[in-house]
Amino acid sequence: MKIHEFLIPQLQQEVALTEKFLKRIPEDKLDWKPHKKSMTIRQLANHLGEIPSWITGTMNAGEMDMKAYKPTDHATIEEIIKELKANAAEAEKSLKKSDDEFERMWKMTNDGEIIFEMPKFNVLQSTVMNQFPHHRAQLGVYFRLLDISVPATYGPSADEQE
């Protein structure tokens, strides 16, 4: 099996699960956050929508400097879902490369200082793909605190078994 044949279905599953979560966000709760140090729901949702673009960035470049990073800031759930899908489509295209490309080194820097450096495959698995369940779980906690039904992900949800 080629690496992209492994990663593309994984990406598709994560995007579908993420869309399910995003669709549960009430528009009137976008600016809510559980703690002063937490992201707002809108910030968290925008972050989830941009994650697939990190795949494209990893596959098409040798590094990323965080100093230039600007998070997306869409105002509505509809816009965020549209961004998620567009980014996922581009990410799928960027993954269709030879296995050799996944072995190339990639690094994240901040104003020229190296934060980490590893093969692209490792970046995709440890840093990018793991962002989906991590931030969906955060959103799930927000939902629980707001008494919003938490969708099932890799297994059943207590809210969907009642």
N, C-alpha and C. Protein backbone atom coordinates (compact mmCIF):
# COMPACT_ATOMS: atom_id res chain seq x y z
N MET A 1 0.85 -1.18 0.00
CA MET A 1 0.00 0.00 0.00
C MET A 1 0.90 1.24 0.00
N LYS A 2 0.54 2.18 -0.84
CA LYS A 2 1.27 3.44 -0.88
C LYS A 2 0.81 4.32 0.28
N ILE A 3 1.68 5.19 0.71
CA ILE A 3 1.38 6.03 1.88
C ILE A 3 0.12 6.86 1.66
N HIS A 4 -0.03 7.44 0.48
CA HIS A 4 -1.22 8.28 0.26
C HIS A 4 -2.51 7.44 0.29
N GLU A 5 -2.41 6.17 -0.04
CA GLU A 5 -3.59 5.29 0.02
C GLU A 5 -4.01 5.01 1.46
N PHE A 6 -3.09 5.17 2.38
CA PHE A 6 -3.37 5.05 3.81
C PHE A 6 -3.91 6.37 4.36
N LEU A 7 -3.28 7.48 3.97
CA LEU A 7 -3.61 8.77 4.56
C LEU A 7 -4.91 9.40 4.05
N ILE A 8 -5.21 9.24 2.77
CA ILE A 8 -6.40 9.90 2.22
C ILE A 8 -7.69 9.40 2.88
N PRO A 9 -7.91 8.08 3.03
CA PRO A 9 -9.12 7.65 3.73
C PRO A 9 -9.16 8.13 5.20
N GLN A 10 -8.01 8.18 5.84
CA GLN A 10 -7.95 8.68 7.21
C GLN A 10 -8.38 10.15 7.23
N LEU A 11 -7.86 10.94 6.31
CA LEU A 11 -8.25 12.35 6.21
C LEU A 11 -9.75 12.47 5.97
N GLN A 12 -10.28 11.70 5.04
CA GLN A 12 -11.71 11.76 4.73
C GLN A 12 -12.57 11.45 5.96
N GLN A 13 -12.15 10.46 6.73
CA GLN A 13 -12.90 10.11 7.95
C GLN A 13 -12.84 11.26 8.96
N GLU A 14 -11.65 11.81 9.16
CA GLU A 14 -11.50 12.89 10.14
C GLU A 14 -12.30 14.14 9.73
N VAL A 15 -12.31 14.44 8.45
CA VAL A 15 -13.06 15.60 7.95
C VAL A 15 -14.56 15.37 8.14
N ALA A 16 -15.04 14.18 7.83
CA ALA A 16 -16.47 13.88 8.01
C ALA A 16 -16.88 14.00 9.47
N LEU A 17 -16.06 13.47 10.37
CA LEU A 17 -16.36 13.58 11.80
C LEU A 17 -16.32 15.04 12.26
N THR A 18 -15.37 15.78 11.76
CA THR A 18 -15.24 17.19 12.12
C THR A 18 -16.45 17.98 11.64
N GLU A 19 -16.88 17.71 10.42
CA GLU A 19 -18.06 18.40 9.90
C GLU A 19 -19.29 18.12 10.77
N LYS A 20 -19.42 16.89 11.23
CA LYS A 20 -20.53 16.51 12.10
C LYS A 20 -20.52 17.38 13.37
N PHE A 21 -19.34 17.58 13.95
CA PHE A 21 -19.21 18.43 15.14
C PHE A 21 -19.53 19.88 14.81
N LEU A 22 -18.97 20.37 13.72
CA LEU A 22 -19.19 21.78 13.37
C LEU A 22 -20.66 22.09 13.16
N LYS A 23 -21.39 21.17 12.59
CA LYS A 23 -22.81 21.39 12.32
C LYS A 23 -23.64 21.48 13.60
N ARG A 24 -23.10 21.03 14.72
CA ARG A 24 -23.83 21.10 16.00
C ARG A 24 -23.63 22.43 16.71
N ILE A 25 -22.75 23.27 16.22
CA ILE A 25 -22.47 24.54 16.90
C ILE A 25 -23.60 25.53 16.66
N PRO A 26 -24.24 26.01 17.71
CA PRO A 26 -25.25 27.06 17.53
C PRO A 26 -24.57 28.39 17.20
N GLU A 27 -25.08 29.08 16.20
CA GLU A 27 -24.48 30.35 15.77
C GLU A 27 -24.42 31.37 16.92
N ASP A 28 -25.36 31.30 17.86
CA ASP A 28 -25.36 32.26 18.96
C ASP A 28 -24.34 31.94 20.05
N LYS A 29 -23.60 30.84 19.89
CA LYS A 29 -22.59 30.45 20.89
C LYS A 29 -21.16 30.61 20.36
N LEU A 30 -20.98 31.19 19.20
CA LEU A 30 -19.66 31.28 18.58
C LEU A 30 -18.63 32.02 19.43
N ASP A 31 -19.05 32.97 20.21
CA ASP A 31 -18.11 33.74 21.02
C ASP A 31 -17.96 33.20 22.44
N TRP A 32 -18.61 32.07 22.74
CA TRP A 32 -18.54 31.49 24.08
C TRP A 32 -17.22 30.75 24.27
N LYS A 33 -16.69 30.81 25.49
CA LYS A 33 -15.53 30.02 25.86
C LYS A 33 -15.65 29.68 27.34
N PRO A 34 -15.14 28.50 27.74
CA PRO A 34 -15.34 28.06 29.12
C PRO A 34 -14.40 28.71 30.13
N HIS A 35 -13.34 29.34 29.66
CA HIS A 35 -12.34 29.90 30.56
C HIS A 35 -11.63 31.03 29.84
N LYS A 36 -11.09 31.98 30.58
CA LYS A 36 -10.43 33.13 29.94
C LYS A 36 -9.22 32.72 29.11
N LYS A 37 -8.59 31.59 29.42
CA LYS A 37 -7.43 31.13 28.65
C LYS A 37 -7.83 30.23 27.47
N SER A 38 -9.09 29.88 27.37
CA SER A 38 -9.58 29.01 26.31
C SER A 38 -9.88 29.78 25.03
N MET A 39 -9.90 29.05 23.92
CA MET A 39 -10.36 29.64 22.66
C MET A 39 -11.87 29.77 22.70
N THR A 40 -12.41 30.70 21.93
CA THR A 40 -13.85 30.75 21.75
C THR A 40 -14.25 29.59 20.85
N ILE A 41 -15.52 29.29 20.82
CA ILE A 41 -15.99 28.24 19.92
C ILE A 41 -15.64 28.60 18.47
N ARG A 42 -15.79 29.85 18.11
CA ARG A 42 -15.47 30.26 16.74
C ARG A 42 -13.99 30.04 16.44
N GLN A 43 -13.10 30.40 17.36
CA GLN A 43 -11.67 30.17 17.15
C GLN A 43 -11.36 28.69 17.00
N LEU A 44 -11.97 27.89 17.85
CA LEU A 44 -11.75 26.44 17.80
C LEU A 44 -12.30 25.86 16.50
N ALA A 45 -13.47 26.28 16.10
CA ALA A 45 -14.08 25.80 14.85
C ALA A 45 -13.24 26.22 13.64
N ASN A 46 -12.78 27.46 13.62
CA ASN A 46 -11.92 27.91 12.52
C ASN A 46 -10.64 27.10 12.48
N HIS A 47 -10.09 26.81 13.64
CA HIS A 47 -8.87 26.01 13.70
C HIS A 47 -9.12 24.61 13.11
N LEU A 48 -10.22 24.00 13.47
CA LEU A 48 -10.56 22.69 12.90
C LEU A 48 -10.70 22.78 11.38
N GLY A 49 -11.28 23.86 10.90
CA GLY A 49 -11.47 24.02 9.46
C GLY A 49 -10.18 24.22 8.68
N GLU A 50 -9.16 24.73 9.34
CA GLU A 50 -7.89 24.99 8.65
C GLU A 50 -6.92 23.81 8.71
N ILE A 51 -7.15 22.84 9.57
CA ILE A 51 -6.19 21.75 9.75
C ILE A 51 -5.81 21.07 8.43
N PRO A 52 -6.75 20.76 7.53
CA PRO A 52 -6.32 20.12 6.28
C PRO A 52 -5.33 20.96 5.47
N SER A 53 -5.35 22.27 5.62
CA SER A 53 -4.40 23.11 4.89
C SER A 53 -2.98 22.87 5.37
N TRP A 54 -2.83 22.39 6.58
CA TRP A 54 -1.50 22.06 7.10
C TRP A 54 -0.92 20.86 6.35
N ILE A 55 -1.79 19.97 5.90
CA ILE A 55 -1.33 18.82 5.10
C ILE A 55 -0.73 19.35 3.80
N THR A 56 -1.46 20.22 3.15
CA THR A 56 -0.99 20.81 1.89
C THR A 56 0.33 21.55 2.12
N GLY A 57 0.39 22.33 3.19
CA GLY A 57 1.61 23.06 3.50
C GLY A 57 2.80 22.14 3.77
N THR A 58 2.53 21.05 4.46
CA THR A 58 3.60 20.09 4.75
C THR A 58 4.09 19.41 3.48
N MET A 59 3.17 19.01 2.63
CA MET A 59 3.54 18.28 1.42
C MET A 59 4.17 19.17 0.36
N ASN A 60 3.81 20.44 0.33
CA ASN A 60 4.28 21.32 -0.74
C ASN A 60 5.45 22.22 -0.36
N ALA A 61 5.87 22.17 0.89
CA ALA A 61 6.99 23.02 1.33
C ALA A 61 7.91 22.22 2.25
N GLY A 62 9.08 22.74 2.47
CA GLY A 62 10.04 22.08 3.34
C GLY A 62 10.00 22.56 4.77
N GLU A 63 9.30 23.67 4.99
CA GLU A 63 9.22 24.20 6.35
C GLU A 63 8.09 25.20 6.46
N MET A 64 7.78 25.56 7.71
CA MET A 64 6.78 26.59 8.01
C MET A 64 7.34 27.45 9.13
N ASP A 65 7.29 28.76 8.96
CA ASP A 65 7.70 29.66 10.01
C ASP A 65 6.44 30.19 10.70
N MET A 66 6.30 29.87 11.97
CA MET A 66 5.11 30.25 12.73
C MET A 66 4.97 31.76 12.92
N LYS A 67 6.05 32.49 12.74
CA LYS A 67 5.98 33.94 12.89
C LYS A 67 5.00 34.54 11.88
N ALA A 68 4.90 33.92 10.71
CA ALA A 68 4.02 34.41 9.65
C ALA A 68 2.59 33.83 9.74
N TYR A 69 2.35 32.92 10.69
CA TYR A 69 1.05 32.26 10.79
C TYR A 69 -0.04 33.21 11.23
N LYS A 70 -1.14 33.19 10.49
CA LYS A 70 -2.33 33.97 10.83
C LYS A 70 -3.53 33.01 10.79
N PRO A 71 -4.19 32.79 11.92
CA PRO A 71 -5.33 31.87 11.92
C PRO A 71 -6.50 32.42 11.10
N THR A 72 -7.28 31.50 10.56
CA THR A 72 -8.48 31.93 9.83
C THR A 72 -9.51 32.43 10.84
N ASP A 73 -10.41 33.28 10.37
CA ASP A 73 -11.43 33.85 11.26
C ASP A 73 -12.74 34.05 10.51
N HIS A 74 -13.34 32.94 10.12
CA HIS A 74 -14.66 33.02 9.48
C HIS A 74 -15.72 33.31 10.52
N ALA A 75 -16.76 34.00 10.12
CA ALA A 75 -17.78 34.46 11.05
C ALA A 75 -18.92 33.47 11.25
N THR A 76 -19.11 32.54 10.29
CA THR A 76 -20.25 31.63 10.39
C THR A 76 -19.79 30.17 10.26
N ILE A 77 -20.63 29.29 10.77
CA ILE A 77 -20.35 27.85 10.66
C ILE A 77 -20.34 27.45 9.19
N GLU A 78 -21.25 27.98 8.40
CA GLU A 78 -21.30 27.67 6.97
C GLU A 78 -19.97 27.98 6.29
N GLU A 79 -19.40 29.14 6.60
CA GLU A 79 -18.10 29.52 6.02
C GLU A 79 -16.98 28.58 6.49
N ILE A 80 -17.03 28.19 7.75
CA ILE A 80 -16.00 27.31 8.30
C ILE A 80 -16.07 25.93 7.64
N ILE A 81 -17.27 25.40 7.46
CA ILE A 81 -17.43 24.10 6.82
C ILE A 81 -16.98 24.17 5.36
N LYS A 82 -17.31 25.25 4.69
CA LYS A 82 -16.86 25.44 3.31
C LYS A 82 -15.32 25.43 3.25
N GLU A 83 -14.68 26.11 4.19
CA GLU A 83 -13.21 26.14 4.28
C GLU A 83 -12.65 24.74 4.55
N LEU A 84 -13.26 24.04 5.49
CA LEU A 84 -12.83 22.67 5.81
C LEU A 84 -12.83 21.80 4.56
N LYS A 85 -13.93 21.83 3.82
CA LYS A 85 -14.06 20.99 2.62
C LYS A 85 -13.08 21.40 1.52
N ALA A 86 -12.91 22.69 1.32
CA ALA A 86 -11.96 23.17 0.30
C ALA A 86 -10.54 22.79 0.69
N ASN A 87 -10.19 22.96 1.95
CA ASN A 87 -8.86 22.59 2.41
C ASN A 87 -8.63 21.09 2.31
N ALA A 88 -9.66 20.30 2.60
CA ALA A 88 -9.54 18.84 2.50
C ALA A 88 -9.33 18.40 1.05
N ALA A 89 -10.03 19.03 0.12
CA ALA A 89 -9.86 18.68 -1.29
C ALA A 89 -8.43 18.98 -1.75
N GLU A 90 -7.91 20.12 -1.35
CA GLU A 90 -6.52 20.47 -1.69
C GLU A 90 -5.53 19.52 -1.01
N ALA A 91 -5.83 19.16 0.23
CA ALA A 91 -4.95 18.25 0.97
C ALA A 91 -4.88 16.89 0.28
N GLU A 92 -6.03 16.39 -0.16
CA GLU A 92 -6.03 15.10 -0.86
C GLU A 92 -5.15 15.15 -2.10
N LYS A 93 -5.25 16.22 -2.87
CA LYS A 93 -4.40 16.37 -4.06
C LYS A 93 -2.92 16.39 -3.66
N SER A 94 -2.61 17.11 -2.59
CA SER A 94 -1.20 17.25 -2.19
C SER A 94 -0.61 15.93 -1.68
N LEU A 95 -1.46 15.04 -1.20
CA LEU A 95 -0.98 13.75 -0.68
C LEU A 95 -0.63 12.75 -1.78
N LYS A 96 -1.10 13.00 -2.97
CA LYS A 96 -0.88 12.05 -4.08
C LYS A 96 0.53 12.22 -4.65
N LYS A 97 1.48 11.85 -3.82
CA LYS A 97 2.90 11.94 -4.19
C LYS A 97 3.56 10.58 -3.93
N SER A 98 4.76 10.44 -4.43
CA SER A 98 5.49 9.19 -4.22
C SER A 98 5.83 9.03 -2.74
N ASP A 99 6.02 7.79 -2.33
CA ASP A 99 6.38 7.52 -0.94
C ASP A 99 7.67 8.23 -0.55
N ASP A 100 8.56 8.44 -1.50
CA ASP A 100 9.82 9.14 -1.21
C ASP A 100 9.58 10.55 -0.65
N GLU A 101 8.53 11.21 -1.14
CA GLU A 101 8.25 12.57 -0.68
C GLU A 101 7.91 12.59 0.81
N PHE A 102 7.28 11.55 1.30
CA PHE A 102 6.89 11.48 2.71
C PHE A 102 8.09 11.27 3.62
N GLU A 103 9.21 10.85 3.05
CA GLU A 103 10.43 10.64 3.82
C GLU A 103 11.28 11.90 3.90
N ARG A 104 10.97 12.90 3.10
CA ARG A 104 11.75 14.14 3.11
C ARG A 104 11.56 14.85 4.45
N MET A 105 12.61 15.52 4.89
CA MET A 105 12.56 16.24 6.16
C MET A 105 11.73 17.52 6.02
N TRP A 106 11.06 17.86 7.09
CA TRP A 106 10.24 19.08 7.16
C TRP A 106 10.51 19.70 8.53
N LYS A 107 10.49 21.02 8.58
CA LYS A 107 10.70 21.65 9.88
C LYS A 107 9.74 22.81 10.12
N MET A 108 9.45 22.98 11.39
CA MET A 108 8.67 24.12 11.85
C MET A 108 9.64 25.04 12.57
N THR A 109 9.56 26.33 12.22
CA THR A 109 10.42 27.32 12.84
C THR A 109 9.57 28.45 13.42
N ASN A 110 10.19 29.24 14.26
CA ASN A 110 9.56 30.46 14.76
C ASN A 110 10.61 31.55 14.69
N ASP A 111 10.44 32.43 13.74
CA ASP A 111 11.39 33.51 13.50
C ASP A 111 12.80 32.96 13.30
N GLY A 112 12.87 31.86 12.52
CA GLY A 112 14.14 31.26 12.18
C GLY A 112 14.65 30.21 13.15
N GLU A 113 14.11 30.16 14.37
CA GLU A 113 14.53 29.16 15.35
C GLU A 113 13.75 27.86 15.12
N ILE A 114 14.46 26.75 15.00
CA ILE A 114 13.81 25.46 14.74
C ILE A 114 13.06 24.99 15.97
N ILE A 115 11.76 24.73 15.80
CA ILE A 115 10.92 24.17 16.86
C ILE A 115 11.03 22.65 16.82
N PHE A 116 10.89 22.08 15.62
CA PHE A 116 11.11 20.65 15.42
C PHE A 116 11.39 20.38 13.96
N GLU A 117 11.98 19.22 13.71
CA GLU A 117 12.28 18.78 12.35
C GLU A 117 12.12 17.27 12.32
N MET A 118 11.38 16.78 11.32
CA MET A 118 11.16 15.34 11.17
C MET A 118 10.67 15.04 9.76
N PRO A 119 10.64 13.76 9.38
CA PRO A 119 10.11 13.41 8.05
C PRO A 119 8.65 13.84 7.91
N LYS A 120 8.27 14.19 6.69
CA LYS A 120 6.90 14.66 6.43
C LYS A 120 5.84 13.68 6.92
N PHE A 121 6.07 12.37 6.75
CA PHE A 121 5.08 11.40 7.22
C PHE A 121 4.86 11.56 8.73
N ASN A 122 5.92 11.72 9.48
CA ASN A 122 5.81 11.88 10.93
C ASN A 122 5.08 13.18 11.28
N VAL A 123 5.36 14.24 10.54
CA VAL A 123 4.66 15.51 10.76
C VAL A 123 3.17 15.31 10.55
N LEU A 124 2.82 14.66 9.45
CA LEU A 124 1.40 14.45 9.13
C LEU A 124 0.70 13.65 10.22
N GLN A 125 1.32 12.58 10.68
CA GLN A 125 0.68 11.72 11.68
C GLN A 125 0.69 12.34 13.07
N SER A 126 1.84 12.80 13.54
CA SER A 126 1.94 13.23 14.93
C SER A 126 1.45 14.65 15.17
N THR A 127 1.63 15.51 14.21
CA THR A 127 1.31 16.92 14.43
C THR A 127 0.02 17.35 13.74
N VAL A 128 -0.24 16.83 12.56
CA VAL A 128 -1.41 17.31 11.80
C VAL A 128 -2.64 16.44 12.05
N MET A 129 -2.58 15.17 11.71
CA MET A 129 -3.78 14.33 11.82
C MET A 129 -4.27 14.21 13.27
N ASN A 130 -3.36 14.24 14.22
CA ASN A 130 -3.77 14.16 15.63
C ASN A 130 -4.45 15.44 16.12
N GLN A 131 -4.34 16.51 15.34
CA GLN A 131 -5.03 17.75 15.70
C GLN A 131 -6.55 17.59 15.63
N PHE A 132 -7.02 16.79 14.68
CA PHE A 132 -8.48 16.61 14.54
C PHE A 132 -9.12 16.08 15.82
N PRO A 133 -8.74 14.88 16.30
CA PRO A 133 -9.42 14.38 17.49
C PRO A 133 -9.14 15.23 18.73
N HIS A 134 -7.96 15.80 18.80
CA HIS A 134 -7.62 16.65 19.95
C HIS A 134 -8.59 17.83 20.06
N HIS A 135 -8.77 18.55 18.96
CA HIS A 135 -9.62 19.74 19.03
C HIS A 135 -11.11 19.41 18.97
N ARG A 136 -11.48 18.29 18.35
CA ARG A 136 -12.89 17.87 18.44
C ARG A 136 -13.23 17.51 19.88
N ALA A 137 -12.30 16.90 20.59
CA ALA A 137 -12.53 16.57 22.00
C ALA A 137 -12.74 17.85 22.81
N GLN A 138 -11.94 18.88 22.53
CA GLN A 138 -12.15 20.16 23.20
C GLN A 138 -13.56 20.67 22.93
N LEU A 139 -13.95 20.61 21.66
CA LEU A 139 -15.28 21.08 21.28
C LEU A 139 -16.35 20.23 21.98
N GLY A 140 -16.10 18.95 22.12
CA GLY A 140 -17.03 18.07 22.84
C GLY A 140 -17.21 18.49 24.29
N VAL A 141 -16.14 18.92 24.93
CA VAL A 141 -16.24 19.43 26.31
C VAL A 141 -17.07 20.71 26.32
N TYR A 142 -16.83 21.59 25.36
CA TYR A 142 -17.63 22.81 25.27
C TYR A 142 -19.12 22.45 25.12
N PHE A 143 -19.40 21.48 24.23
CA PHE A 143 -20.79 21.05 24.04
C PHE A 143 -21.39 20.55 25.35
N ARG A 144 -20.64 19.73 26.07
CA ARG A 144 -21.15 19.17 27.32
C ARG A 144 -21.48 20.31 28.29
N LEU A 145 -20.59 21.29 28.40
CA LEU A 145 -20.82 22.41 29.31
C LEU A 145 -22.03 23.25 28.90
N LEU A 146 -22.32 23.28 27.62
CA LEU A 146 -23.46 24.05 27.10
C LEU A 146 -24.72 23.21 26.93
N ASP A 147 -24.64 21.94 27.33
CA ASP A 147 -25.76 20.99 27.19
C ASP A 147 -26.18 20.81 25.73
N ILE A 148 -25.16 20.72 24.86
CA ILE A 148 -25.36 20.44 23.44
C ILE A 148 -24.99 18.97 23.24
N SER A 149 -25.78 18.25 22.50
CA SER A 149 -25.53 16.83 22.25
C SER A 149 -24.17 16.63 21.58
N VAL A 150 -23.36 15.73 22.16
CA VAL A 150 -22.04 15.42 21.63
C VAL A 150 -22.19 14.29 20.61
N PRO A 151 -21.74 14.51 19.36
CA PRO A 151 -21.90 13.47 18.34
C PRO A 151 -20.96 12.28 18.57
N ALA A 152 -21.38 11.14 18.08
CA ALA A 152 -20.54 9.95 18.10
C ALA A 152 -19.34 10.19 17.18
N THR A 153 -18.19 9.62 17.54
CA THR A 153 -17.02 9.75 16.68
C THR A 153 -16.53 8.35 16.32
N TYR A 154 -15.60 7.82 17.09
CA TYR A 154 -15.05 6.49 16.77
C TYR A 154 -15.88 5.37 17.38
N GLY A 155 -16.85 5.75 18.13
CA GLY A 155 -17.78 4.81 18.76
C GLY A 155 -19.01 5.58 19.17
N PRO A 156 -19.92 4.97 19.89
CA PRO A 156 -21.16 5.64 20.25
C PRO A 156 -20.95 6.80 21.22
N SER A 157 -21.89 7.71 21.22
CA SER A 157 -21.93 8.83 22.15
C SER A 157 -23.09 8.59 23.11
N ALA A 158 -22.88 8.88 24.37
CA ALA A 158 -23.94 8.72 25.36
C ALA A 158 -25.16 9.54 24.97
N ASP A 159 -24.94 10.67 24.31
CA ASP A 159 -26.05 11.54 23.91
C ASP A 159 -26.88 10.93 22.77
N GLU A 160 -26.29 10.07 21.99
CA GLU A 160 -27.01 9.49 20.85
C GLU A 160 -27.54 8.10 21.15
N GLN A 161 -27.39 7.63 22.40
CA GLN A 161 -27.89 6.31 22.78
C GLN A 161 -29.14 6.40 23.64
N GLU A 162 -29.59 7.61 23.90
CA GLU A 162 -30.77 7.77 24.78
C GLU A 162 -32.03 7.39 24.08
